[in-house]
Amino acid sequence: MRLIICITFLGLAFTGFGQRFTATWSKNRCEIGEQVELKLRLANAPKKVGYKPYVGEIPCEMKFSDSSTLTKNATLEIVKAFEDTTYLRGKERIWEGCYTVMIWDTGVYIIPRFAIGLTDTSLVAGGVSKLRVGFTKQNVDDEIEEMQAVIPTDYWYYFKTYWWLILFPLAIIIVLLIRRRNRVTVISQLSLKQRSQIALDALRKQAYWKKGKVTEHYIEFSFLLRSFLSARYELNLAERTTYEAMLLLSRKNIPTDTLKRIREMLTESDMVKFAKGVPGEEEILLSLRRMEELIVELSPLDLIE
């Protein structure tokens, strides 16, 4: 009888005081651009937990579908700094940490493996739980759908929105007139750098954000950035997702730091268009300056004949 009591006591002791480390998603399905929490939990935690959090991105694996056996390397973008806390639940000390991440490509994401260091051992969690990421168009309720309903009845919409395109033929006409009058050799065709700078100045003067049209501003901002990169590197990025566009650009001879800035600008546009982000005026003006610097940096030198 005593042997049975001892065995029972030891089983309860190991069950009650064993350290259990788990990693779980806050949900099992989400849409592109939606924030998801990735939670770590350590039961019977010591007073000091040795864990070094990720910064910027978390590497993980992604399946192309639930039935697929093929996986590829992917990343989770951290949009909020890692937070952890320790609390008591009865006599049990619980340590919890939380990442807030965002994903920009569809697929089935396998939760990463996380390691936590203790005084005499280390524990590993993750590698099993899955998160399905998709894109449900009918659930997106933003200004893009409203604009599509209004455009057909506003016959002056394209003229009022894209009036700055008239600057291109007007600039060519002015150059031709000056050339005819002075009878000197004048370059009549604007370079890609000049055309892009004129378009960017026109977008800046529109100041859509002051009229409450932040989404419309970022639609044209993304279109201008993709058009410049497409013409510069002979690609078609207009209908590509940010992930696809970055894959194509990574094959060109572009510095890693420049690729990172391009990705940040495209991601910022996606946040506003699909995730309803509302940046302030200071952030919008900063993004315009960054694009202007990018155009100058990536444009070939203008040679004067």
C-alpha atoms as a PDB file:
ATOM      1  CA  MET A   1       0.000   0.000   0.000  1.00  0.00           C
ATOM      2  CA  ARG A   2       2.811   2.397   0.840  1.00  0.00           C
ATOM      3  CA  LEU A   3       4.470   1.625  -2.515  1.00  0.00           C
ATOM      4  CA  ILE A   4       1.261   2.530  -4.379  1.00  0.00           C
ATOM      5  CA  ILE A   5       0.949   5.811  -2.420  1.00  0.00           C
ATOM      6  CA  CYS A   6       4.577   6.734  -3.198  1.00  0.00           C
ATOM      7  CA  ILE A   7       4.185   5.965  -6.890  1.00  0.00           C
ATOM      8  CA  THR A   8       0.980   8.035  -7.004  1.00  0.00           C
ATOM      9  CA  PHE A   9       2.639  10.937  -5.172  1.00  0.00           C
ATOM     10  CA  LEU A  10       5.634  10.911  -7.542  1.00  0.00           C
ATOM     11  CA  GLY A  11       3.320  10.843 -10.588  1.00  0.00           C
ATOM     12  CA  LEU A  12       1.347  13.827  -9.269  1.00  0.00           C
ATOM     13  CA  ALA A  13       4.569  15.671  -8.450  1.00  0.00           C
ATOM     14  CA  PHE A  14       5.968  15.267 -11.945  1.00  0.00           C
ATOM     15  CA  THR A  15       2.607  16.193 -13.461  1.00  0.00           C
ATOM     16  CA  GLY A  16       2.143  19.266 -11.286  1.00  0.00           C
ATOM     17  CA  PHE A  17       5.686  20.597 -11.372  1.00  0.00           C
ATOM     18  CA  GLY A  18       6.931  19.514 -14.843  1.00  0.00           C
ATOM     19  CA  GLN A  19       7.854  22.439 -17.050  1.00  0.00           C
ATOM     20  CA  ARG A  20       5.708  22.484 -20.198  1.00  0.00           C
ATOM     21  CA  PHE A  21       6.615  24.810 -23.097  1.00  0.00           C
ATOM     22  CA  THR A  22       4.082  25.391 -25.911  1.00  0.00           C
ATOM     23  CA  ALA A  23       3.752  27.647 -28.981  1.00  0.00           C
ATOM     24  CA  THR A  24       0.346  28.356 -30.582  1.00  0.00           C
ATOM     25  CA  TRP A  25      -1.345  30.696 -33.080  1.00  0.00           C
ATOM     26  CA  SER A  26      -4.136  32.960 -31.849  1.00  0.00           C
ATOM     27  CA  LYS A  27      -6.276  31.663 -34.760  1.00  0.00           C
ATOM     28  CA  ASN A  28      -5.980  28.930 -37.399  1.00  0.00           C
ATOM     29  CA  ARG A  29      -7.022  31.011 -40.436  1.00  0.00           C
ATOM     30  CA  CYS A  30      -6.497  34.625 -41.533  1.00  0.00           C
ATOM     31  CA  GLU A  31      -6.317  36.878 -44.597  1.00  0.00           C
ATOM     32  CA  ILE A  32      -3.330  38.555 -46.248  1.00  0.00           C
ATOM     33  CA  GLY A  33      -2.340  41.692 -44.331  1.00  0.00           C
ATOM     34  CA  GLU A  34      -4.216  40.646 -41.157  1.00  0.00           C
ATOM     35  CA  GLN A  35      -2.375  40.739 -37.838  1.00  0.00           C
ATOM     36  CA  VAL A  36      -2.010  37.415 -35.991  1.00  0.00           C
ATOM     37  CA  GLU A  37      -0.616  36.702 -32.539  1.00  0.00           C
ATOM     38  CA  LEU A  38       1.954  33.943 -31.960  1.00  0.00           C
ATOM     39  CA  LYS A  39       1.919  32.972 -28.285  1.00  0.00           C
ATOM     40  CA  LEU A  40       4.581  31.167 -26.220  1.00  0.00           C
ATOM     41  CA  ARG A  41       3.703  29.668 -22.822  1.00  0.00           C
ATOM     42  CA  LEU A  42       5.889  28.018 -20.160  1.00  0.00           C
ATOM     43  CA  ALA A  43       4.169  26.313 -17.218  1.00  0.00           C
ATOM     44  CA  ASN A  44       5.995  25.998 -13.861  1.00  0.00           C
ATOM     45  CA  ALA A  45       8.434  28.669 -15.021  1.00  0.00           C
ATOM     46  CA  PRO A  46      11.452  29.704 -12.912  1.00  0.00           C
ATOM     47  CA  LYS A  47      11.842  33.275 -11.687  1.00  0.00           C
ATOM     48  CA  LYS A  48      14.233  34.030 -14.548  1.00  0.00           C
ATOM     49  CA  VAL A  49      13.507  32.750 -18.063  1.00  0.00           C
ATOM     50  CA  GLY A  50      16.287  32.929 -20.667  1.00  0.00           C
ATOM     51  CA  TYR A  51      14.641  33.729 -23.991  1.00  0.00           C
ATOM     52  CA  LYS A  52      16.056  35.916 -26.771  1.00  0.00           C
ATOM     53  CA  PRO A  53      13.201  37.179 -29.025  1.00  0.00           C
ATOM     54  CA  TYR A  54      13.367  37.631 -32.805  1.00  0.00           C
ATOM     55  CA  VAL A  55      13.501  41.159 -34.268  1.00  0.00           C
ATOM     56  CA  GLY A  56      12.096  42.154 -37.665  1.00  0.00           C
ATOM     57  CA  GLU A  57      11.202  38.734 -39.075  1.00  0.00           C
ATOM     58  CA  ILE A  58      10.690  35.151 -37.881  1.00  0.00           C
ATOM     59  CA  PRO A  59      11.818  32.329 -40.236  1.00  0.00           C
ATOM     60  CA  CYS A  60       9.361  29.462 -40.734  1.00  0.00           C
ATOM     61  CA  GLU A  61       8.188  26.859 -43.260  1.00  0.00           C
ATOM     62  CA  MET A  62       5.167  27.161 -45.564  1.00  0.00           C
ATOM     63  CA  LYS A  63       3.149  24.524 -47.419  1.00  0.00           C
ATOM     64  CA  PHE A  64       1.422  25.404 -50.681  1.00  0.00           C
ATOM     65  CA  SER A  65      -1.769  23.618 -49.545  1.00  0.00           C
ATOM     66  CA  ASP A  66      -3.060  21.370 -46.744  1.00  0.00           C
ATOM     67  CA  SER A  67      -2.496  18.240 -48.848  1.00  0.00           C
ATOM     68  CA  SER A  68       0.888  19.286 -50.223  1.00  0.00           C
ATOM     69  CA  THR A  69       4.046  17.617 -48.948  1.00  0.00           C
ATOM     70  CA  LEU A  70       6.263  20.298 -50.483  1.00  0.00           C
ATOM     71  CA  THR A  71       7.426  23.135 -48.286  1.00  0.00           C
ATOM     72  CA  LYS A  72       9.526  26.236 -48.791  1.00  0.00           C
ATOM     73  CA  ASN A  73      11.217  28.765 -46.537  1.00  0.00           C
ATOM     74  CA  ALA A  74       9.074  31.750 -45.562  1.00  0.00           C
ATOM     75  CA  THR A  75       9.087  34.597 -43.047  1.00  0.00           C
ATOM     76  CA  LEU A  76       6.655  36.203 -40.626  1.00  0.00           C
ATOM     77  CA  GLU A  77       6.941  39.993 -40.432  1.00  0.00           C
ATOM     78  CA  ILE A  78       6.969  41.266 -36.829  1.00  0.00           C
ATOM     79  CA  VAL A  79       4.771  44.376 -36.596  1.00  0.00           C
ATOM     80  CA  LYS A  80       4.839  44.794 -32.813  1.00  0.00           C
ATOM     81  CA  ALA A  81       7.673  44.320 -30.361  1.00  0.00           C
ATOM     82  CA  PHE A  82       7.773  41.038 -28.424  1.00  0.00           C
ATOM     83  CA  GLU A  83       6.037  41.240 -25.030  1.00  0.00           C
ATOM     84  CA  ASP A  84       6.320  38.768 -22.146  1.00  0.00           C
ATOM     85  CA  THR A  85       4.934  38.518 -18.629  1.00  0.00           C
ATOM     86  CA  THR A  86       5.015  36.187 -15.632  1.00  0.00           C
ATOM     87  CA  TYR A  87       2.052  35.545 -13.328  1.00  0.00           C
ATOM     88  CA  LEU A  88       0.791  33.044 -10.748  1.00  0.00           C
ATOM     89  CA  ARG A  89      -2.159  30.740 -11.323  1.00  0.00           C
ATOM     90  CA  GLY A  90      -2.784  29.204  -7.960  1.00  0.00           C
ATOM     91  CA  LYS A  91       0.658  27.942  -6.917  1.00  0.00           C
ATOM     92  CA  GLU A  92       1.860  27.560 -10.482  1.00  0.00           C
ATOM     93  CA  ARG A  93       4.103  30.236 -12.063  1.00  0.00           C
ATOM     94  CA  ILE A  94       3.275  30.881 -15.731  1.00  0.00           C
ATOM     95  CA  TRP A  95       5.526  32.702 -18.232  1.00  0.00           C
ATOM     96  CA  GLU A  96       3.896  33.946 -21.446  1.00  0.00           C
ATOM     97  CA  GLY A  97       5.315  35.785 -24.456  1.00  0.00           C
ATOM     98  CA  CYS A  98       3.554  37.157 -27.517  1.00  0.00           C
ATOM     99  CA  TYR A  99       4.621  38.135 -31.064  1.00  0.00           C
ATOM    100  CA  THR A 100       2.277  40.121 -33.314  1.00  0.00           C
ATOM    101  CA  VAL A 101       3.050  39.196 -36.935  1.00  0.00           C
ATOM    102  CA  MET A 102       1.698  39.849 -40.436  1.00  0.00           C
ATOM    103  CA  ILE A 103       1.902  37.662 -43.579  1.00  0.00           C
ATOM    104  CA  TRP A 104       1.872  38.835 -47.204  1.00  0.00           C
ATOM    105  CA  ASP A 105       1.559  35.563 -49.149  1.00  0.00           C
ATOM    106  CA  THR A 106      -1.048  32.794 -49.288  1.00  0.00           C
ATOM    107  CA  GLY A 107      -0.309  29.274 -48.057  1.00  0.00           C
ATOM    108  CA  VAL A 108      -0.302  27.035 -44.986  1.00  0.00           C
ATOM    109  CA  TYR A 109       2.291  28.276 -42.469  1.00  0.00           C
ATOM    110  CA  ILE A 110       3.787  25.834 -39.954  1.00  0.00           C
ATOM    111  CA  ILE A 111       4.468  27.385 -36.583  1.00  0.00           C
ATOM    112  CA  PRO A 112       8.238  27.926 -36.090  1.00  0.00           C
ATOM    113  CA  ARG A 113      10.262  26.071 -33.480  1.00  0.00           C
ATOM    114  CA  PHE A 114      11.190  28.159 -30.449  1.00  0.00           C
ATOM    115  CA  ALA A 115      13.832  27.296 -27.857  1.00  0.00           C
ATOM    116  CA  ILE A 116      13.894  28.590 -24.303  1.00  0.00           C
ATOM    117  CA  GLY A 117      16.842  28.263 -21.940  1.00  0.00           C
ATOM    118  CA  LEU A 118      16.446  27.247 -18.290  1.00  0.00           C
ATOM    119  CA  THR A 119      19.034  26.775 -15.557  1.00  0.00           C
ATOM    120  CA  ASP A 120      19.840  23.133 -16.254  1.00  0.00           C
ATOM    121  CA  THR A 121      18.123  22.424 -19.578  1.00  0.00           C
ATOM    122  CA  SER A 122      16.409  23.923 -22.617  1.00  0.00           C
ATOM    123  CA  LEU A 123      12.928  23.295 -24.008  1.00  0.00           C
ATOM    124  CA  VAL A 124      11.672  23.422 -27.613  1.00  0.00           C
ATOM    125  CA  ALA A 125       8.103  24.067 -28.790  1.00  0.00           C
ATOM    126  CA  GLY A 126       6.358  24.517 -32.152  1.00  0.00           C
ATOM    127  CA  GLY A 127       6.733  22.864 -35.550  1.00  0.00           C
ATOM    128  CA  VAL A 128       3.205  21.402 -35.657  1.00  0.00           C
ATOM    129  CA  SER A 129       0.390  23.949 -35.460  1.00  0.00           C
ATOM    130  CA  LYS A 130      -0.645  25.425 -38.833  1.00  0.00           C
ATOM    131  CA  LEU A 131      -2.011  28.787 -39.963  1.00  0.00           C
ATOM    132  CA  ARG A 132      -3.917  29.024 -43.265  1.00  0.00           C
ATOM    133  CA  VAL A 133      -3.505  32.381 -45.020  1.00  0.00           C
ATOM    134  CA  GLY A 134      -5.804  33.346 -47.908  1.00  0.00           C
ATOM    135  CA  PHE A 135      -7.407  36.338 -49.574  1.00  0.00           C
ATOM    136  CA  THR A 136     -11.200  36.786 -49.448  1.00  0.00           C
ATOM    137  CA  LYS A 137     -12.084  39.680 -51.717  1.00  0.00           C
ATOM    138  CA  GLN A 138     -15.728  39.978 -50.682  1.00  0.00           C
ATOM    139  CA  ASN A 139     -14.741  40.550 -47.050  1.00  0.00           C
ATOM    140  CA  VAL A 140     -12.616  43.598 -47.866  1.00  0.00           C
ATOM    141  CA  ASP A 141     -14.667  46.720 -47.206  1.00  0.00           C
ATOM    142  CA  ASP A 142     -12.493  49.673 -48.108  1.00  0.00           C
ATOM    143  CA  GLU A 143     -12.532  52.739 -50.334  1.00  0.00           C
ATOM    144  CA  ILE A 144     -11.468  50.766 -53.437  1.00  0.00           C
ATOM    145  CA  GLU A 145     -14.902  49.151 -53.801  1.00  0.00           C
ATOM    146  CA  GLU A 146     -16.642  52.479 -53.250  1.00  0.00           C
ATOM    147  CA  MET A 147     -14.542  54.134 -55.963  1.00  0.00           C
ATOM    148  CA  GLN A 148     -15.540  51.415 -58.473  1.00  0.00           C
ATOM    149  CA  ALA A 149     -19.187  52.153 -57.839  1.00  0.00           C
ATOM    150  CA  VAL A 150     -18.770  55.904 -58.393  1.00  0.00           C
ATOM    151  CA  ILE A 151     -16.420  56.018 -61.390  1.00  0.00           C
ATOM    152  CA  PRO A 152     -18.968  55.014 -64.111  1.00  0.00           C
ATOM    153  CA  THR A 153     -21.240  57.966 -63.280  1.00  0.00           C
ATOM    154  CA  ASP A 154     -18.445  60.534 -63.091  1.00  0.00           C
ATOM    155  CA  TYR A 155     -17.387  61.159 -66.701  1.00  0.00           C
ATOM    156  CA  TRP A 156     -14.689  63.625 -65.631  1.00  0.00           C
ATOM    157  CA  TYR A 157     -13.129  61.227 -63.117  1.00  0.00           C
ATOM    158  CA  TYR A 158     -10.132  60.186 -65.241  1.00  0.00           C
ATOM    159  CA  PHE A 159      -9.475  63.770 -66.306  1.00  0.00           C
ATOM    160  CA  LYS A 160      -9.574  65.078 -62.724  1.00  0.00           C
ATOM    161  CA  THR A 161      -7.448  62.181 -61.427  1.00  0.00           C
ATOM    162  CA  TYR A 162      -4.853  61.831 -64.202  1.00  0.00           C
ATOM    163  CA  TRP A 163      -4.709  65.403 -65.524  1.00  0.00           C
ATOM    164  CA  TRP A 164      -0.977  65.476 -64.794  1.00  0.00           C
ATOM    165  CA  LEU A 165      -0.401  63.047 -67.685  1.00  0.00           C
ATOM    166  CA  ILE A 166      -1.015  66.015 -70.002  1.00  0.00           C
ATOM    167  CA  LEU A 167       2.301  67.414 -68.776  1.00  0.00           C
ATOM    168  CA  PHE A 168       4.218  64.870 -70.851  1.00  0.00           C
ATOM    169  CA  PRO A 169       2.985  65.945 -74.338  1.00  0.00           C
ATOM    170  CA  LEU A 170       2.916  69.585 -73.186  1.00  0.00           C
ATOM    171  CA  ALA A 171       6.568  69.421 -72.149  1.00  0.00           C
ATOM    172  CA  ILE A 172       7.485  67.878 -75.519  1.00  0.00           C
ATOM    173  CA  ILE A 173       5.612  70.629 -77.406  1.00  0.00           C
ATOM    174  CA  ILE A 174       7.396  73.355 -75.426  1.00  0.00           C
ATOM    175  CA  VAL A 175      10.794  71.776 -76.153  1.00  0.00           C
ATOM    176  CA  LEU A 176      10.002  71.570 -79.885  1.00  0.00           C
ATOM    177  CA  LEU A 177       8.919  75.224 -80.001  1.00  0.00           C
ATOM    178  CA  ILE A 178      12.090  76.363 -78.242  1.00  0.00           C
ATOM    179  CA  ARG A 179      14.183  74.260 -80.589  1.00  0.00           C
ATOM    180  CA  ARG A 180      12.484  75.736 -83.647  1.00  0.00           C
ATOM    181  CA  ARG A 181      12.846  79.288 -82.383  1.00  0.00           C
ATOM    182  CA  ASN A 182      16.478  79.139 -81.301  1.00  0.00           C
ATOM    183  CA  ARG A 183      17.533  76.590 -83.923  1.00  0.00           C
ATOM    184  CA  VAL A 184      19.718  74.692 -81.489  1.00  0.00           C
ATOM    185  CA  THR A 185      19.895  70.994 -80.708  1.00  0.00           C
ATOM    186  CA  VAL A 186      17.522  70.233 -77.854  1.00  0.00           C
ATOM    187  CA  ILE A 187      16.744  66.856 -76.366  1.00  0.00           C
ATOM    188  CA  SER A 188      13.014  66.459 -77.148  1.00  0.00           C
ATOM    189  CA  GLN A 189      12.495  63.188 -75.298  1.00  0.00           C
ATOM    190  CA  LEU A 190      12.374  63.156 -71.494  1.00  0.00           C
ATOM    191  CA  SER A 191      14.334  60.477 -69.701  1.00  0.00           C
ATOM    192  CA  LEU A 192      12.695  57.923 -67.372  1.00  0.00           C
ATOM    193  CA  LYS A 193      14.121  59.839 -64.414  1.00  0.00           C
ATOM    194  CA  GLN A 194      12.571  63.141 -65.588  1.00  0.00           C
ATOM    195  CA  ARG A 195       9.191  61.583 -66.371  1.00  0.00           C
ATOM    196  CA  SER A 196       9.087  59.874 -62.983  1.00  0.00           C
ATOM    197  CA  GLN A 197      10.059  63.069 -61.128  1.00  0.00           C
ATOM    198  CA  ILE A 198       7.356  65.067 -62.942  1.00  0.00           C
ATOM    199  CA  ALA A 199       4.744  62.427 -62.041  1.00  0.00           C
ATOM    200  CA  LEU A 200       5.926  62.352 -58.413  1.00  0.00           C
ATOM    201  CA  ASP A 201       5.736  66.159 -58.140  1.00  0.00           C
ATOM    202  CA  ALA A 202       2.208  66.068 -59.534  1.00  0.00           C
ATOM    203  CA  LEU A 203       1.189  63.418 -56.978  1.00  0.00           C
ATOM    204  CA  ARG A 204       2.715  65.495 -54.169  1.00  0.00           C
ATOM    205  CA  LYS A 205       0.765  68.605 -55.276  1.00  0.00           C
ATOM    206  CA  GLN A 206      -2.508  66.659 -55.330  1.00  0.00           C
ATOM    207  CA  ALA A 207      -2.194  66.177 -51.521  1.00  0.00           C
ATOM    208  CA  TYR A 208      -4.942  63.552 -51.442  1.00  0.00           C
ATOM    209  CA  TRP A 209      -4.345  62.905 -47.721  1.00  0.00           C
ATOM    210  CA  LYS A 210      -5.512  66.448 -46.920  1.00  0.00           C
ATOM    211  CA  LYS A 211      -8.839  65.619 -48.603  1.00  0.00           C
ATOM    212  CA  GLY A 212      -9.324  62.369 -46.670  1.00  0.00           C
ATOM    213  CA  LYS A 213      -8.294  60.234 -49.670  1.00  0.00           C
ATOM    214  CA  VAL A 214      -5.301  58.403 -48.208  1.00  0.00           C
ATOM    215  CA  THR A 215      -6.159  55.139 -50.020  1.00  0.00           C
ATOM    216  CA  GLU A 216      -6.376  56.915 -53.393  1.00  0.00           C
ATOM    217  CA  HIS A 217      -2.970  58.495 -52.738  1.00  0.00           C
ATOM    218  CA  TYR A 218      -1.336  55.120 -52.078  1.00  0.00           C
ATOM    219  CA  ILE A 219      -2.991  53.542 -55.132  1.00  0.00           C
ATOM    220  CA  GLU A 220      -1.248  56.117 -57.360  1.00  0.00           C
ATOM    221  CA  PHE A 221       1.920  55.937 -55.224  1.00  0.00           C
ATOM    222  CA  SER A 222       2.136  52.147 -55.737  1.00  0.00           C
ATOM    223  CA  PHE A 223       1.306  52.515 -59.475  1.00  0.00           C
ATOM    224  CA  LEU A 224       4.058  55.119 -59.964  1.00  0.00           C
ATOM    225  CA  LEU A 225       6.665  53.055 -58.070  1.00  0.00           C
ATOM    226  CA  ARG A 226       5.824  49.848 -59.954  1.00  0.00           C
ATOM    227  CA  SER A 227       5.805  51.696 -63.323  1.00  0.00           C
ATOM    228  CA  PHE A 228       9.253  53.177 -62.686  1.00  0.00           C
ATOM    229  CA  LEU A 229      10.744  49.817 -61.630  1.00  0.00           C
ATOM    230  CA  SER A 230       9.081  48.043 -64.584  1.00  0.00           C
ATOM    231  CA  ALA A 231      10.531  50.510 -67.110  1.00  0.00           C
ATOM    232  CA  ARG A 232      13.944  50.597 -65.420  1.00  0.00           C
ATOM    233  CA  TYR A 233      14.459  46.807 -65.301  1.00  0.00           C
ATOM    234  CA  GLU A 234      12.209  45.750 -68.228  1.00  0.00           C
ATOM    235  CA  LEU A 235       9.695  43.911 -66.032  1.00  0.00           C
ATOM    236  CA  ASN A 236       5.912  43.844 -65.691  1.00  0.00           C
ATOM    237  CA  LEU A 237       5.193  44.551 -62.033  1.00  0.00           C
ATOM    238  CA  ALA A 238       1.802  46.280 -62.401  1.00  0.00           C
ATOM    239  CA  GLU A 239      -0.301  43.179 -61.709  1.00  0.00           C
ATOM    240  CA  ARG A 240       2.179  41.402 -59.421  1.00  0.00           C
ATOM    241  CA  THR A 241       1.834  40.988 -55.664  1.00  0.00           C
ATOM    242  CA  THR A 242       4.518  42.489 -53.467  1.00  0.00           C
ATOM    243  CA  TYR A 243       6.000  39.033 -52.901  1.00  0.00           C
ATOM    244  CA  GLU A 244       6.137  38.283 -56.655  1.00  0.00           C
ATOM    245  CA  ALA A 245       7.549  41.723 -57.476  1.00  0.00           C
ATOM    246  CA  MET A 246      10.355  41.309 -54.915  1.00  0.00           C
ATOM    247  CA  LEU A 247      11.231  37.874 -56.332  1.00  0.00           C
ATOM    248  CA  LEU A 248      11.629  39.364 -59.829  1.00  0.00           C
ATOM    249  CA  LEU A 249      13.624  42.370 -58.583  1.00  0.00           C
ATOM    250  CA  SER A 250      15.945  40.159 -56.512  1.00  0.00           C
ATOM    251  CA  ARG A 251      17.209  38.634 -59.771  1.00  0.00           C
ATOM    252  CA  LYS A 252      18.425  42.024 -60.959  1.00  0.00           C
ATOM    253  CA  ASN A 253      21.675  43.654 -59.925  1.00  0.00           C
ATOM    254  CA  ILE A 254      20.113  45.724 -57.123  1.00  0.00           C
ATOM    255  CA  PRO A 255      21.859  46.242 -53.747  1.00  0.00           C
ATOM    256  CA  THR A 256      20.286  44.452 -50.775  1.00  0.00           C
ATOM    257  CA  ASP A 257      19.696  47.724 -48.887  1.00  0.00           C
ATOM    258  CA  THR A 258      17.851  49.177 -51.896  1.00  0.00           C
ATOM    259  CA  LEU A 259      15.693  46.042 -52.219  1.00  0.00           C
ATOM    260  CA  LYS A 260      14.766  46.391 -48.554  1.00  0.00           C
ATOM    261  CA  ARG A 261      13.635  50.011 -49.080  1.00  0.00           C
ATOM    262  CA  ILE A 262      11.566  49.032 -52.133  1.00  0.00           C
ATOM    263  CA  ARG A 263       9.889  46.279 -50.132  1.00  0.00           C
ATOM    264  CA  GLU A 264       9.091  48.677 -47.275  1.00  0.00           C
ATOM    265  CA  MET A 265       7.416  51.149 -49.671  1.00  0.00           C
ATOM    266  CA  LEU A 266       5.372  48.425 -51.388  1.00  0.00           C
ATOM    267  CA  THR A 267       4.383  46.950 -48.012  1.00  0.00           C
ATOM    268  CA  GLU A 268       3.330  50.394 -46.761  1.00  0.00           C
ATOM    269  CA  SER A 269       1.043  50.764 -49.806  1.00  0.00           C
ATOM    270  CA  ASP A 270      -0.423  47.266 -49.227  1.00  0.00           C
ATOM    271  CA  MET A 271      -1.105  48.112 -45.584  1.00  0.00           C
ATOM    272  CA  VAL A 272      -3.239  51.094 -46.618  1.00  0.00           C
ATOM    273  CA  LYS A 273      -4.963  49.431 -49.591  1.00  0.00           C
ATOM    274  CA  PHE A 274      -5.768  46.049 -48.019  1.00  0.00           C
ATOM    275  CA  ALA A 275      -5.369  46.357 -44.236  1.00  0.00           C
ATOM    276  CA  LYS A 276      -6.918  49.849 -43.837  1.00  0.00           C
ATOM    277  CA  GLY A 277      -3.795  51.410 -42.394  1.00  0.00           C
ATOM    278  CA  VAL A 278      -4.024  55.183 -41.887  1.00  0.00           C
ATOM    279  CA  PRO A 279      -0.533  56.765 -41.851  1.00  0.00           C
ATOM    280  CA  GLY A 280      -0.079  60.360 -40.775  1.00  0.00           C
ATOM    281  CA  GLU A 281       0.960  63.279 -42.989  1.00  0.00           C
ATOM    282  CA  GLU A 282       4.586  63.064 -41.780  1.00  0.00           C
ATOM    283  CA  GLU A 283       4.804  59.378 -42.828  1.00  0.00           C
ATOM    284  CA  ILE A 284       3.242  60.135 -46.230  1.00  0.00           C
ATOM    285  CA  LEU A 285       5.687  62.972 -46.958  1.00  0.00           C
ATOM    286  CA  LEU A 286       8.567  60.744 -45.820  1.00  0.00           C
ATOM    287  CA  SER A 287       7.499  58.012 -48.269  1.00  0.00           C
ATOM    288  CA  LEU A 288       7.418  60.577 -51.113  1.00  0.00           C
ATOM    289  CA  ARG A 289      10.969  61.711 -50.270  1.00  0.00           C
ATOM    290  CA  ARG A 290      12.141  58.088 -50.141  1.00  0.00           C
ATOM    291  CA  MET A 291      10.698  57.405 -53.584  1.00  0.00           C
ATOM    292  CA  GLU A 292      12.353  60.555 -54.972  1.00  0.00           C
ATOM    293  CA  GLU A 293      15.707  59.387 -53.596  1.00  0.00           C
ATOM    294  CA  LEU A 294      15.121  55.902 -55.059  1.00  0.00           C
ATOM    295  CA  ILE A 295      14.404  57.343 -58.539  1.00  0.00           C
ATOM    296  CA  VAL A 296      17.636  59.348 -58.469  1.00  0.00           C
ATOM    297  CA  GLU A 297      19.637  56.393 -57.128  1.00  0.00           C
ATOM    298  CA  LEU A 298      18.413  53.823 -59.679  1.00  0.00           C
ATOM    299  CA  SER A 299      18.279  56.079 -62.768  1.00  0.00           C
ATOM    300  CA  PRO A 300      21.176  56.016 -65.241  1.00  0.00           C
ATOM    301  CA  LEU A 301      23.246  59.193 -65.554  1.00  0.00           C
ATOM    302  CA  ASP A 302      21.723  61.808 -67.892  1.00  0.00           C
ATOM    303  CA  LEU A 303      24.344  62.637 -70.543  1.00  0.00           C
ATOM    304  CA  ILE A 304      24.167  66.098 -72.148  1.00  0.00           C
ATOM    305  CA  GLU A 305      24.943  66.021 -75.863  1.00  0.00           C
END
